[in-house]
């Protein structure tokens, strides 16, 4: 499989055992809270560049 390179940094987070949008299905779980913290940190890092 071929892949394209856009020349921008990217990061893929895989949360084992979780389905797509799990943070919306069980928003009060520890995993959802950690996901939101990680997402907030990634966005802050992106905006601070």
PDB file of N, CA and C in Angstrom:
ATOM      1  N   UNK A   1       0.844  -1.171   0.000  1.00  0.00           N
ATOM      2  CA  UNK A   1       0.000   0.000   0.000  1.00  0.00           C
ATOM      3  C   UNK A   1       0.892   1.239   0.000  1.00  0.00           C
ATOM      4  N   UNK A   2       0.613   2.161  -0.881  1.00  0.00           N
ATOM      5  CA  UNK A   2       1.382   3.393  -0.979  1.00  0.00           C
ATOM      6  C   UNK A   2       0.845   4.421   0.001  1.00  0.00           C
ATOM      7  N   UNK A   3       1.720   5.286   0.480  1.00  0.00           N
ATOM      8  CA  UNK A   3       1.279   6.360   1.371  1.00  0.00           C
ATOM      9  C   UNK A   3       1.834   7.682   0.870  1.00  0.00           C
ATOM     10  N   UNK A   4       1.117   8.742   1.138  1.00  0.00           N
ATOM     11  CA  UNK A   4       1.542  10.082   0.727  1.00  0.00           C
ATOM     12  C   UNK A   4       2.172  10.785   1.920  1.00  0.00           C
ATOM     13  N   UNK A   5       3.088  11.675   1.647  1.00  0.00           N
ATOM     14  CA  UNK A   5       3.732  12.447   2.693  1.00  0.00           C
ATOM     15  C   UNK A   5       3.411  13.911   2.482  1.00  0.00           C
ATOM     16  N   UNK A   6       2.819  14.523   3.487  1.00  0.00           N
ATOM     17  CA  UNK A   6       2.423  15.926   3.383  1.00  0.00           C
ATOM     18  C   UNK A   6       3.475  16.859   3.967  1.00  0.00           C
ATOM     19  N   UNK A   7       4.467  16.298   4.633  1.00  0.00           N
ATOM     20  CA  UNK A   7       5.510  17.138   5.210  1.00  0.00           C
ATOM     21  C   UNK A   7       5.116  17.817   6.502  1.00  0.00           C
ATOM     22  N   UNK A   8       4.126  17.301   7.181  1.00  0.00           N
ATOM     23  CA  UNK A   8       3.715  17.849   8.473  1.00  0.00           C
ATOM     24  C   UNK A   8       3.785  16.747   9.528  1.00  0.00           C
ATOM     25  N   UNK A   9       4.110  17.107  10.762  1.00  0.00           N
ATOM     26  CA  UNK A   9       4.160  16.085  11.803  1.00  0.00           C
ATOM     27  C   UNK A   9       2.762  15.543  12.106  1.00  0.00           C
ATOM     28  N   UNK A  10       2.700  14.269  12.395  1.00  0.00           N
ATOM     29  CA  UNK A  10       1.428  13.640  12.743  1.00  0.00           C
ATOM     30  C   UNK A  10       1.671  12.598  13.817  1.00  0.00           C
ATOM     31  N   UNK A  11       0.650  12.325  14.593  1.00  0.00           N
ATOM     32  CA  UNK A  11       0.743  11.318  15.640  1.00  0.00           C
ATOM     33  C   UNK A  11      -0.550  10.528  15.651  1.00  0.00           C
ATOM     34  N   UNK A  12      -0.456   9.218  15.745  1.00  0.00           N
ATOM     35  CA  UNK A  12      -1.612   8.341  15.797  1.00  0.00           C
ATOM     36  C   UNK A  12      -1.682   7.727  17.181  1.00  0.00           C
ATOM     37  N   UNK A  13      -2.814   7.880  17.844  1.00  0.00           N
ATOM     38  CA  UNK A  13      -3.023   7.273  19.155  1.00  0.00           C
ATOM     39  C   UNK A  13      -3.989   6.114  18.995  1.00  0.00           C
ATOM     40  N   UNK A  14      -3.578   4.941  19.430  1.00  0.00           N
ATOM     41  CA  UNK A  14      -4.437   3.766  19.414  1.00  0.00           C
ATOM     42  C   UNK A  14      -4.723   3.406  20.858  1.00  0.00           C
ATOM     43  N   UNK A  15      -5.996   3.377  21.206  1.00  0.00           N
ATOM     44  CA  UNK A  15      -6.404   3.014  22.557  1.00  0.00           C
ATOM     45  C   UNK A  15      -6.934   1.587  22.479  1.00  0.00           C
ATOM     46  N   UNK A  16      -6.147   0.657  22.923  1.00  0.00           N
ATOM     47  CA  UNK A  16      -6.481  -0.762  22.779  1.00  0.00           C
ATOM     48  C   UNK A  16      -7.814  -1.086  23.445  1.00  0.00           C
ATOM     49  N   UNK A  17      -8.629  -1.855  22.737  1.00  0.00           N
ATOM     50  CA  UNK A  17      -9.887  -2.319  23.281  1.00  0.00           C
ATOM     51  C   UNK A  17     -11.014  -1.300  23.247  1.00  0.00           C
ATOM     52  N   UNK A  18     -10.789  -0.161  22.607  1.00  0.00           N
ATOM     53  CA  UNK A  18     -11.821   0.884  22.560  1.00  0.00           C
ATOM     54  C   UNK A  18     -12.303   1.067  21.129  1.00  0.00           C
ATOM     55  N   UNK A  19     -13.600   1.313  20.991  1.00  0.00           N
ATOM     56  CA  UNK A  19     -14.182   1.545  19.674  1.00  0.00           C
ATOM     57  C   UNK A  19     -14.101   3.021  19.324  1.00  0.00           C
ATOM     58  N   UNK A  20     -14.307   3.316  18.055  1.00  0.00           N
ATOM     59  CA  UNK A  20     -14.309   4.703  17.587  1.00  0.00           C
ATOM     60  C   UNK A  20     -15.332   5.515  18.390  1.00  0.00           C
ATOM     61  N   UNK A  21     -14.938   6.667  18.843  1.00  0.00           N
ATOM     62  CA  UNK A  21     -15.785   7.599  19.596  1.00  0.00           C
ATOM     63  C   UNK A  21     -16.175   7.062  20.975  1.00  0.00           C
ATOM     64  N   UNK A  22     -15.351   6.192  21.550  1.00  0.00           N
ATOM     65  CA  UNK A  22     -15.660   5.632  22.866  1.00  0.00           C
ATOM     66  C   UNK A  22     -15.821   6.711  23.926  1.00  0.00           C
ATOM     67  N   UNK A  23     -15.122   7.823  23.753  1.00  0.00           N
ATOM     68  CA  UNK A  23     -15.186   8.887  24.760  1.00  0.00           C
ATOM     69  C   UNK A  23     -16.554   9.558  24.806  1.00  0.00           C
ATOM     70  N   UNK A  24     -17.331   9.401  23.748  1.00  0.00           N
ATOM     71  CA  UNK A  24     -18.705   9.924  23.735  1.00  0.00           C
ATOM     72  C   UNK A  24     -19.690   8.914  24.311  1.00  0.00           C
ATOM     73  N   UNK A  25     -19.362   7.632  24.191  1.00  0.00           N
ATOM     74  CA  UNK A  25     -20.256   6.578  24.662  1.00  0.00           C
ATOM     75  C   UNK A  25     -20.186   6.451  26.186  1.00  0.00           C
ATOM     76  N   UNK A  26     -18.983   6.488  26.723  1.00  0.00           N
ATOM     77  CA  UNK A  26     -18.781   6.416  28.178  1.00  0.00           C
ATOM     78  C   UNK A  26     -17.911   7.599  28.611  1.00  0.00           C
ATOM     79  N   UNK A  27     -18.488   8.795  28.635  1.00  0.00           N
ATOM     80  CA  UNK A  27     -17.698  10.004  28.877  1.00  0.00           C
ATOM     81  C   UNK A  27     -17.093  10.099  30.280  1.00  0.00           C
ATOM     82  N   UNK A  28     -17.639   9.366  31.240  1.00  0.00           N
ATOM     83  CA  UNK A  28     -17.131   9.463  32.611  1.00  0.00           C
ATOM     84  C   UNK A  28     -16.081   8.417  32.956  1.00  0.00           C
ATOM     85  N   UNK A  29     -15.699   7.587  31.997  1.00  0.00           N
ATOM     86  CA  UNK A  29     -14.710   6.549  32.286  1.00  0.00           C
ATOM     87  C   UNK A  29     -13.312   7.147  32.399  1.00  0.00           C
ATOM     88  N   UNK A  30     -12.449   6.440  33.085  1.00  0.00           N
ATOM     89  CA  UNK A  30     -11.056   6.886  33.240  1.00  0.00           C
ATOM     90  C   UNK A  30     -10.368   6.988  31.882  1.00  0.00           C
ATOM     91  N   UNK A  31     -10.678   6.054  30.987  1.00  0.00           N
ATOM     92  CA  UNK A  31     -10.067   6.070  29.659  1.00  0.00           C
ATOM     93  C   UNK A  31     -10.495   7.308  28.873  1.00  0.00           C
ATOM     94  N   UNK A  32     -11.767   7.683  28.997  1.00  0.00           N
ATOM     95  CA  UNK A  32     -12.255   8.874  28.294  1.00  0.00           C
ATOM     96  C   UNK A  32     -11.595  10.132  28.845  1.00  0.00           C
ATOM     97  N   UNK A  33     -11.459  10.200  30.147  1.00  0.00           N
ATOM     98  CA  UNK A  33     -10.802  11.357  30.765  1.00  0.00           C
ATOM     99  C   UNK A  33      -9.347  11.456  30.299  1.00  0.00           C
ATOM    100  N   UNK A  34      -8.645  10.331  30.268  1.00  0.00           N
ATOM    101  CA  UNK A  34      -7.254  10.330  29.812  1.00  0.00           C
ATOM    102  C   UNK A  34      -7.170  10.733  28.348  1.00  0.00           C
ATOM    103  N   UNK A  35      -8.093  10.230  27.545  1.00  0.00           N
ATOM    104  CA  UNK A  35      -8.130  10.582  26.127  1.00  0.00           C
ATOM    105  C   UNK A  35      -8.291  12.090  25.946  1.00  0.00           C
ATOM    106  N   UNK A  36      -9.220  12.680  26.693  1.00  0.00           N
ATOM    107  CA  UNK A  36      -9.445  14.128  26.579  1.00  0.00           C
ATOM    108  C   UNK A  36      -8.219  14.920  27.036  1.00  0.00           C
ATOM    109  N   UNK A  37      -7.572  14.460  28.085  1.00  0.00           N
ATOM    110  CA  UNK A  37      -6.349  15.131  28.536  1.00  0.00           C
ATOM    111  C   UNK A  37      -5.260  15.042  27.473  1.00  0.00           C
ATOM    112  N   UNK A  38      -5.099  13.870  26.882  1.00  0.00           N
ATOM    113  CA  UNK A  38      -4.097  13.689  25.825  1.00  0.00           C
ATOM    114  C   UNK A  38      -4.421  14.555  24.612  1.00  0.00           C
ATOM    115  N   UNK A  39      -5.699  14.621  24.260  1.00  0.00           N
ATOM    116  CA  UNK A  39      -6.123  15.438  23.124  1.00  0.00           C
ATOM    117  C   UNK A  39      -5.866  16.917  23.396  1.00  0.00           C
ATOM    118  N   UNK A  40      -6.222  17.377  24.580  1.00  0.00           N
ATOM    119  CA  UNK A  40      -5.970  18.772  24.951  1.00  0.00           C
ATOM    120  C   UNK A  40      -4.485  19.102  24.902  1.00  0.00           C
ATOM    121  N   UNK A  41      -3.663  18.199  25.402  1.00  0.00           N
ATOM    122  CA  UNK A  41      -2.217  18.399  25.385  1.00  0.00           C
ATOM    123  C   UNK A  41      -1.687  18.468  23.956  1.00  0.00           C
ATOM    124  N   UNK A  42      -2.188  17.601  23.087  1.00  0.00           N
ATOM    125  CA  UNK A  42      -1.748  17.609  21.686  1.00  0.00           C
ATOM    126  C   UNK A  42      -2.144  18.910  20.993  1.00  0.00           C
ATOM    127  N   UNK A  43      -3.359  19.375  21.247  1.00  0.00           N
ATOM    128  CA  UNK A  43      -3.807  20.625  20.625  1.00  0.00           C
ATOM    129  C   UNK A  43      -2.988  21.805  21.145  1.00  0.00           C
ATOM    130  N   UNK A  44      -2.738  21.848  22.438  1.00  0.00           N
ATOM    131  CA  UNK A  44      -1.915  22.929  22.992  1.00  0.00           C
ATOM    132  C   UNK A  44      -0.508  22.905  22.385  1.00  0.00           C
ATOM    133  N   UNK A  45       0.059  21.709  22.219  1.00  0.00           N
ATOM    134  CA  UNK A  45       1.370  21.592  21.602  1.00  0.00           C
ATOM    135  C   UNK A  45       1.384  22.096  20.175  1.00  0.00           C
ATOM    136  N   UNK A  46       0.319  21.780  19.451  1.00  0.00           N
ATOM    137  CA  UNK A  46       0.215  22.219  18.064  1.00  0.00           C
ATOM    138  C   UNK A  46       0.096  23.741  17.991  1.00  0.00           C
ATOM    139  N   UNK A  47      -0.698  24.317  18.867  1.00  0.00           N
ATOM    140  CA  UNK A  47      -0.922  25.761  18.830  1.00  0.00           C
ATOM    141  C   UNK A  47       0.279  26.569  19.314  1.00  0.00           C
ATOM    142  N   UNK A  48       1.136  25.948  20.082  1.00  0.00           N
ATOM    143  CA  UNK A  48       2.287  26.679  20.634  1.00  0.00           C
ATOM    144  C   UNK A  48       3.471  26.699  19.661  1.00  0.00           C
ATOM    145  N   UNK A  49       3.351  26.078  18.519  1.00  0.00           N
ATOM    146  CA  UNK A  49       4.465  26.044  17.546  1.00  0.00           C
ATOM    147  C   UNK A  49       4.526  27.330  16.778  1.00  0.00           C
TER     148      UNK A  49
END
